[in-house]
Amino acid sequence: MKVKKIYEGVYLIDGKLATLNLAPGFKVYGEKLIKIKGKEYRIWNPFRSKLGAAIKKGMDPKLKKDYEVLYLGAASGTTASHVSDICRDGMVYCVEISPRVFRDLVKVCERRMNMIPILADANKCDYPFVGKVDYVYQDIAQPNQIEILIKNCEAYAPKYAMLALKARSIDVTRKPVEIFKEAERELKERFELIDKRRLEPFHKDHMMFLLRWA
């Protein structure tokens, strides 16, 4: 099998997206583990991860090995665990509001020393032991998802931000393309737009925005 590094911490193995496993032998969501030359890689399923889908479609996430990441909407930790692999010398603060899902997230964080679970409402952007971060990643399907991102960036001053915007969560009656255009205009008032990608065929009616906090 051929391993090709495409971005920092992100690889292609025979055309499949992968990250170097920070917790060898441990699977998060049933992903395939592959050992090559003494290293264990986790295959990253873009149908299970919007960040994986964006990268598969050519987006450089701009994540670095030592970054501290505020991850809003971490759910059970599927994508956050791959961010943990990439930012292996940094920290991933995983914010999730659902107690049921949070229990699964905690189990993942127990196996990964650079993931911290936080049961909190991202609307309030109050995480007492989190200081300034390098990156805010948001995957929260709520009508005010742009407002949530801006409030958290104001509070934690990242270099970069990424927003997985779900059109149907904003307005089910309007065409997604109209919502994406409106969202872009709103985001440009507060951010520098670096890249944007529609996530089909992996995720319907989703757009990923990569932003620099102004």
C-alpha atoms as a PDB file:
ATOM      1  CA  MET A   1       0.000   0.000   0.000  1.00  0.00           C
ATOM      2  CA  LYS A   2       1.204   3.475  -0.878  1.00  0.00           C
ATOM      3  CA  VAL A   3       1.009   6.293   1.686  1.00  0.00           C
ATOM      4  CA  LYS A   4       0.944   9.877   0.412  1.00  0.00           C
ATOM      5  CA  LYS A   5       0.918  12.910   2.693  1.00  0.00           C
ATOM      6  CA  ILE A   6      -1.451  15.546   1.291  1.00  0.00           C
ATOM      7  CA  TYR A   7      -1.714  18.039   4.197  1.00  0.00           C
ATOM      8  CA  GLU A   8      -0.200  18.197   7.662  1.00  0.00           C
ATOM      9  CA  GLY A   9      -1.372  15.055   9.456  1.00  0.00           C
ATOM     10  CA  VAL A  10      -3.579  13.946   6.555  1.00  0.00           C
ATOM     11  CA  TYR A  11      -2.710  11.087   4.197  1.00  0.00           C
ATOM     12  CA  LEU A  12      -4.003   9.124   1.248  1.00  0.00           C
ATOM     13  CA  ILE A  13      -3.591   5.342   1.344  1.00  0.00           C
ATOM     14  CA  ASP A  14      -4.394   3.867  -2.037  1.00  0.00           C
ATOM     15  CA  GLY A  15      -6.699   6.822  -2.601  1.00  0.00           C
ATOM     16  CA  LYS A  16      -8.455   6.605   0.763  1.00  0.00           C
ATOM     17  CA  LEU A  17      -8.241   9.433   3.288  1.00  0.00           C
ATOM     18  CA  ALA A  18      -6.430   8.574   6.538  1.00  0.00           C
ATOM     19  CA  THR A  19      -4.816   9.952   9.693  1.00  0.00           C
ATOM     20  CA  LEU A  20      -2.045   8.496  11.849  1.00  0.00           C
ATOM     21  CA  ASN A  21      -3.705   6.858  14.855  1.00  0.00           C
ATOM     22  CA  LEU A  22      -2.831   8.619  18.115  1.00  0.00           C
ATOM     23  CA  ALA A  23      -4.317   5.682  20.079  1.00  0.00           C
ATOM     24  CA  PRO A  24      -3.033   2.547  18.294  1.00  0.00           C
ATOM     25  CA  GLY A  25      -5.468  -0.349  18.280  1.00  0.00           C
ATOM     26  CA  PHE A  26      -8.448   1.816  19.258  1.00  0.00           C
ATOM     27  CA  LYS A  27     -11.320   2.424  16.821  1.00  0.00           C
ATOM     28  CA  VAL A  28     -13.755   5.297  17.330  1.00  0.00           C
ATOM     29  CA  TYR A  29     -16.545   4.511  14.866  1.00  0.00           C
ATOM     30  CA  GLY A  30     -15.632   1.143  13.378  1.00  0.00           C
ATOM     31  CA  GLU A  31     -13.118   2.619  10.947  1.00  0.00           C
ATOM     32  CA  LYS A  32     -10.515   0.401   9.318  1.00  0.00           C
ATOM     33  CA  LEU A  33      -7.016   0.374  10.855  1.00  0.00           C
ATOM     34  CA  ILE A  34      -4.031  -0.207   8.575  1.00  0.00           C
ATOM     35  CA  LYS A  35      -0.435  -0.827   9.672  1.00  0.00           C
ATOM     36  CA  ILE A  36       2.312   0.245   7.291  1.00  0.00           C
ATOM     37  CA  LYS A  37       6.019   0.228   8.181  1.00  0.00           C
ATOM     38  CA  GLY A  38       5.341   0.158  11.921  1.00  0.00           C
ATOM     39  CA  LYS A  39       2.741   2.944  11.853  1.00  0.00           C
ATOM     40  CA  GLU A  40      -1.000   2.551  12.276  1.00  0.00           C
ATOM     41  CA  TYR A  41      -3.368   4.652  10.180  1.00  0.00           C
ATOM     42  CA  ARG A  42      -7.122   5.170  10.515  1.00  0.00           C
ATOM     43  CA  ILE A  43      -9.154   5.284   7.329  1.00  0.00           C
ATOM     44  CA  TRP A  44     -11.264   8.459   7.392  1.00  0.00           C
ATOM     45  CA  ASN A  45     -14.764   7.955   6.002  1.00  0.00           C
ATOM     46  CA  PRO A  46     -15.956  11.183   4.298  1.00  0.00           C
ATOM     47  CA  PHE A  47     -19.567   9.965   4.486  1.00  0.00           C
ATOM     48  CA  ARG A  48     -19.269   9.989   8.293  1.00  0.00           C
ATOM     49  CA  SER A  49     -17.325  13.252   8.580  1.00  0.00           C
ATOM     50  CA  LYS A  50     -17.993  16.647   7.007  1.00  0.00           C
ATOM     51  CA  LEU A  51     -14.375  17.679   7.535  1.00  0.00           C
ATOM     52  CA  GLY A  52     -13.269  14.479   5.834  1.00  0.00           C
ATOM     53  CA  ALA A  53     -15.623  15.272   2.953  1.00  0.00           C
ATOM     54  CA  ALA A  54     -14.222  18.798   2.587  1.00  0.00           C
ATOM     55  CA  ILE A  55     -10.654  17.488   2.525  1.00  0.00           C
ATOM     56  CA  LYS A  56     -11.629  14.783   0.043  1.00  0.00           C
ATOM     57  CA  LYS A  57     -12.998  17.555  -2.178  1.00  0.00           C
ATOM     58  CA  GLY A  58      -9.681  19.410  -2.082  1.00  0.00           C
ATOM     59  CA  MET A  59      -9.822  21.721   0.934  1.00  0.00           C
ATOM     60  CA  ASP A  60      -6.639  22.220   2.968  1.00  0.00           C
ATOM     61  CA  PRO A  61      -7.947  22.543   6.548  1.00  0.00           C
ATOM     62  CA  LYS A  62      -4.887  24.539   7.695  1.00  0.00           C
ATOM     63  CA  LEU A  63      -4.631  22.457  10.877  1.00  0.00           C
ATOM     64  CA  LYS A  64      -1.202  22.190  12.495  1.00  0.00           C
ATOM     65  CA  LYS A  65       0.368  19.571  14.746  1.00  0.00           C
ATOM     66  CA  ASP A  66       0.463  21.835  17.818  1.00  0.00           C
ATOM     67  CA  TYR A  67      -2.857  23.668  17.390  1.00  0.00           C
ATOM     68  CA  GLU A  68      -5.389  24.101  20.159  1.00  0.00           C
ATOM     69  CA  VAL A  69      -8.831  23.553  18.629  1.00  0.00           C
ATOM     70  CA  LEU A  70     -12.226  24.502  20.020  1.00  0.00           C
ATOM     71  CA  TYR A  71     -14.557  21.943  18.457  1.00  0.00           C
ATOM     72  CA  LEU A  72     -18.230  22.953  18.679  1.00  0.00           C
ATOM     73  CA  GLY A  73     -20.728  20.155  18.164  1.00  0.00           C
ATOM     74  CA  ALA A  74     -18.362  17.254  18.746  1.00  0.00           C
ATOM     75  CA  ALA A  75     -21.175  14.668  19.053  1.00  0.00           C
ATOM     76  CA  SER A  76     -19.686  11.217  19.747  1.00  0.00           C
ATOM     77  CA  GLY A  77     -16.204  12.251  18.598  1.00  0.00           C
ATOM     78  CA  THR A  78     -15.986  10.812  15.076  1.00  0.00           C
ATOM     79  CA  THR A  79     -14.451  13.839  13.338  1.00  0.00           C
ATOM     80  CA  ALA A  80     -12.935  15.255  16.527  1.00  0.00           C
ATOM     81  CA  SER A  81     -10.833  12.095  16.879  1.00  0.00           C
ATOM     82  CA  HIS A  82      -9.311  12.666  13.438  1.00  0.00           C
ATOM     83  CA  VAL A  83      -8.589  16.286  14.436  1.00  0.00           C
ATOM     84  CA  SER A  84      -6.931  14.786  17.517  1.00  0.00           C
ATOM     85  CA  ASP A  85      -4.717  12.677  15.244  1.00  0.00           C
ATOM     86  CA  ILE A  86      -3.718  15.734  13.204  1.00  0.00           C
ATOM     87  CA  CYS A  87      -3.171  18.066  16.184  1.00  0.00           C
ATOM     88  CA  ARG A  88      -1.352  15.380  18.171  1.00  0.00           C
ATOM     89  CA  ASP A  89       0.855  17.849  20.077  1.00  0.00           C
ATOM     90  CA  GLY A  90      -1.990  20.299  20.694  1.00  0.00           C
ATOM     91  CA  MET A  91      -5.408  20.012  22.321  1.00  0.00           C
ATOM     92  CA  VAL A  92      -8.984  19.518  21.103  1.00  0.00           C
ATOM     93  CA  TYR A  93     -11.671  20.964  23.367  1.00  0.00           C
ATOM     94  CA  CYS A  94     -14.804  19.013  22.441  1.00  0.00           C
ATOM     95  CA  VAL A  95     -18.047  20.853  23.190  1.00  0.00           C
ATOM     96  CA  GLU A  96     -21.298  18.879  23.076  1.00  0.00           C
ATOM     97  CA  ILE A  97     -24.716  19.738  24.523  1.00  0.00           C
ATOM     98  CA  SER A  98     -26.476  16.352  24.431  1.00  0.00           C
ATOM     99  CA  PRO A  99     -25.861  14.291  27.608  1.00  0.00           C
ATOM    100  CA  ARG A 100     -26.622  11.021  25.802  1.00  0.00           C
ATOM    101  CA  VAL A 101     -24.105  11.623  23.015  1.00  0.00           C
ATOM    102  CA  PHE A 102     -21.663  13.135  25.504  1.00  0.00           C
ATOM    103  CA  ARG A 103     -21.307   9.756  27.221  1.00  0.00           C
ATOM    104  CA  ASP A 104     -19.913   8.281  23.997  1.00  0.00           C
ATOM    105  CA  LEU A 105     -17.642  11.285  23.553  1.00  0.00           C
ATOM    106  CA  VAL A 106     -16.183  10.817  27.031  1.00  0.00           C
ATOM    107  CA  LYS A 107     -15.221   7.221  26.184  1.00  0.00           C
ATOM    108  CA  VAL A 108     -13.257   8.460  23.154  1.00  0.00           C
ATOM    109  CA  CYS A 109     -11.568  11.224  25.130  1.00  0.00           C
ATOM    110  CA  GLU A 110     -10.470   8.727  27.796  1.00  0.00           C
ATOM    111  CA  ARG A 111      -8.308   7.027  25.167  1.00  0.00           C
ATOM    112  CA  ARG A 112      -6.892  10.265  23.761  1.00  0.00           C
ATOM    113  CA  MET A 113      -4.892  12.553  26.023  1.00  0.00           C
ATOM    114  CA  ASN A 114      -5.316  15.581  23.746  1.00  0.00           C
ATOM    115  CA  MET A 115      -9.137  15.512  23.737  1.00  0.00           C
ATOM    116  CA  ILE A 116     -11.118  17.161  26.532  1.00  0.00           C
ATOM    117  CA  PRO A 117     -14.919  16.671  26.661  1.00  0.00           C
ATOM    118  CA  ILE A 118     -17.025  19.695  27.653  1.00  0.00           C
ATOM    119  CA  LEU A 119     -20.762  19.367  28.296  1.00  0.00           C
ATOM    120  CA  ALA A 120     -21.947  22.862  27.412  1.00  0.00           C
ATOM    121  CA  ASP A 121     -24.146  25.012  25.186  1.00  0.00           C
ATOM    122  CA  ALA A 122     -22.060  26.611  22.427  1.00  0.00           C
ATOM    123  CA  ASN A 123     -24.578  29.484  22.299  1.00  0.00           C
ATOM    124  CA  LYS A 124     -23.257  30.621  25.672  1.00  0.00           C
ATOM    125  CA  CYS A 125     -19.580  30.179  24.666  1.00  0.00           C
ATOM    126  CA  ASP A 126     -18.493  29.783  28.268  1.00  0.00           C
ATOM    127  CA  TYR A 127     -15.850  27.110  28.887  1.00  0.00           C
ATOM    128  CA  PRO A 128     -13.964  28.216  32.035  1.00  0.00           C
ATOM    129  CA  PHE A 129     -10.693  26.348  31.502  1.00  0.00           C
ATOM    130  CA  VAL A 130     -10.359  27.154  27.776  1.00  0.00           C
ATOM    131  CA  GLY A 131      -8.145  30.084  26.877  1.00  0.00           C
ATOM    132  CA  LYS A 132      -7.233  31.533  23.502  1.00  0.00           C
ATOM    133  CA  VAL A 133      -7.245  28.869  20.774  1.00  0.00           C
ATOM    134  CA  ASP A 134      -5.730  28.572  17.313  1.00  0.00           C
ATOM    135  CA  TYR A 135      -8.799  27.195  15.593  1.00  0.00           C
ATOM    136  CA  VAL A 136     -12.572  27.017  15.987  1.00  0.00           C
ATOM    137  CA  TYR A 137     -14.361  24.199  14.174  1.00  0.00           C
ATOM    138  CA  GLN A 138     -18.153  24.251  14.200  1.00  0.00           C
ATOM    139  CA  ASP A 139     -20.651  21.605  13.173  1.00  0.00           C
ATOM    140  CA  ILE A 140     -23.884  22.648  14.878  1.00  0.00           C
ATOM    141  CA  ALA A 141     -27.092  22.287  12.885  1.00  0.00           C
ATOM    142  CA  GLN A 142     -29.055  25.226  14.303  1.00  0.00           C
ATOM    143  CA  PRO A 143     -30.708  28.223  12.590  1.00  0.00           C
ATOM    144  CA  ASN A 144     -28.243  30.641  14.262  1.00  0.00           C
ATOM    145  CA  GLN A 145     -25.119  28.623  13.446  1.00  0.00           C
ATOM    146  CA  ILE A 146     -23.279  31.646  12.002  1.00  0.00           C
ATOM    147  CA  GLU A 147     -24.034  33.718  15.105  1.00  0.00           C
ATOM    148  CA  ILE A 148     -22.711  30.897  17.297  1.00  0.00           C
ATOM    149  CA  LEU A 149     -19.454  30.790  15.341  1.00  0.00           C
ATOM    150  CA  ILE A 150     -18.933  34.546  15.551  1.00  0.00           C
ATOM    151  CA  LYS A 151     -19.633  34.672  19.306  1.00  0.00           C
ATOM    152  CA  ASN A 152     -17.127  31.896  19.980  1.00  0.00           C
ATOM    153  CA  CYS A 153     -14.478  33.499  17.788  1.00  0.00           C
ATOM    154  CA  GLU A 154     -14.955  36.787  19.622  1.00  0.00           C
ATOM    155  CA  ALA A 155     -14.450  34.978  22.920  1.00  0.00           C
ATOM    156  CA  TYR A 156     -11.508  32.734  21.966  1.00  0.00           C
ATOM    157  CA  ALA A 157      -9.703  34.667  19.208  1.00  0.00           C
ATOM    158  CA  PRO A 158      -8.620  31.900  16.809  1.00  0.00           C
ATOM    159  CA  LYS A 159      -6.383  32.243  13.764  1.00  0.00           C
ATOM    160  CA  TYR A 160      -8.760  30.141  11.676  1.00  0.00           C
ATOM    161  CA  ALA A 161     -12.345  28.962  11.798  1.00  0.00           C
ATOM    162  CA  MET A 162     -14.254  26.327   9.885  1.00  0.00           C
ATOM    163  CA  LEU A 163     -18.029  26.149   9.564  1.00  0.00           C
ATOM    164  CA  ALA A 164     -19.986  23.132   8.334  1.00  0.00           C
ATOM    165  CA  LEU A 165     -23.162  24.927   7.300  1.00  0.00           C
ATOM    166  CA  LYS A 166     -26.339  22.879   6.893  1.00  0.00           C
ATOM    167  CA  ALA A 167     -28.805  24.760   4.690  1.00  0.00           C
ATOM    168  CA  ARG A 168     -31.869  22.799   5.830  1.00  0.00           C
ATOM    169  CA  SER A 169     -31.239  23.757   9.439  1.00  0.00           C
ATOM    170  CA  ILE A 170     -31.478  27.436   8.543  1.00  0.00           C
ATOM    171  CA  ASP A 171     -34.587  27.361   6.320  1.00  0.00           C
ATOM    172  CA  VAL A 172     -36.186  24.265   4.771  1.00  0.00           C
ATOM    173  CA  THR A 173     -38.358  26.391   2.460  1.00  0.00           C
ATOM    174  CA  ARG A 174     -35.501  28.075   0.550  1.00  0.00           C
ATOM    175  CA  LYS A 175     -33.051  26.737  -1.999  1.00  0.00           C
ATOM    176  CA  PRO A 176     -29.708  25.758  -0.418  1.00  0.00           C
ATOM    177  CA  VAL A 177     -27.755  27.801  -2.974  1.00  0.00           C
ATOM    178  CA  GLU A 178     -29.572  30.969  -1.825  1.00  0.00           C
ATOM    179  CA  ILE A 179     -28.778  30.199   1.809  1.00  0.00           C
ATOM    180  CA  PHE A 180     -25.111  29.548   0.995  1.00  0.00           C
ATOM    181  CA  LYS A 181     -24.792  32.887  -0.831  1.00  0.00           C
ATOM    182  CA  GLU A 182     -26.425  34.753   2.034  1.00  0.00           C
ATOM    183  CA  ALA A 183     -24.232  32.969   4.565  1.00  0.00           C
ATOM    184  CA  GLU A 184     -21.110  33.852   2.602  1.00  0.00           C
ATOM    185  CA  ARG A 185     -22.036  37.529   2.582  1.00  0.00           C
ATOM    186  CA  GLU A 186     -22.647  37.441   6.330  1.00  0.00           C
ATOM    187  CA  LEU A 187     -19.400  35.599   7.048  1.00  0.00           C
ATOM    188  CA  LYS A 188     -17.358  38.025   4.947  1.00  0.00           C
ATOM    189  CA  GLU A 189     -18.438  40.856   7.235  1.00  0.00           C
ATOM    190  CA  ARG A 190     -16.411  39.297  10.060  1.00  0.00           C
ATOM    191  CA  PHE A 191     -13.994  36.839   8.427  1.00  0.00           C
ATOM    192  CA  GLU A 192     -11.639  36.512   5.497  1.00  0.00           C
ATOM    193  CA  LEU A 193     -12.954  33.707   3.310  1.00  0.00           C
ATOM    194  CA  ILE A 194     -10.125  31.308   2.416  1.00  0.00           C
ATOM    195  CA  ASP A 195     -12.044  28.466   0.797  1.00  0.00           C
ATOM    196  CA  LYS A 196     -15.526  26.990   0.428  1.00  0.00           C
ATOM    197  CA  ARG A 197     -16.713  23.593  -0.796  1.00  0.00           C
ATOM    198  CA  ARG A 198     -20.099  21.977  -1.373  1.00  0.00           C
ATOM    199  CA  LEU A 199     -20.007  18.577   0.305  1.00  0.00           C
ATOM    200  CA  GLU A 200     -22.052  16.522  -2.148  1.00  0.00           C
ATOM    201  CA  PRO A 201     -22.083  13.572  -2.756  1.00  0.00           C
ATOM    202  CA  PHE A 202     -20.954  12.920   0.824  1.00  0.00           C
ATOM    203  CA  HIS A 203     -23.372  15.268   2.635  1.00  0.00           C
ATOM    204  CA  LYS A 204     -26.450  16.766   0.986  1.00  0.00           C
ATOM    205  CA  ASP A 205     -27.151  20.513   1.214  1.00  0.00           C
ATOM    206  CA  HIS A 206     -23.974  21.270   3.158  1.00  0.00           C
ATOM    207  CA  MET A 207     -21.269  23.857   2.514  1.00  0.00           C
ATOM    208  CA  MET A 208     -17.928  23.970   4.309  1.00  0.00           C
ATOM    209  CA  PHE A 209     -16.388  27.394   4.842  1.00  0.00           C
ATOM    210  CA  LEU A 210     -12.728  27.858   5.795  1.00  0.00           C
ATOM    211  CA  LEU A 211     -12.185  31.279   7.321  1.00  0.00           C
ATOM    212  CA  ARG A 212      -9.512  33.506   8.816  1.00  0.00           C
ATOM    213  CA  TRP A 213     -10.667  35.438  11.876  1.00  0.00           C
ATOM    214  CA  ALA A 214     -10.271  39.124  11.175  1.00  0.00           C
END
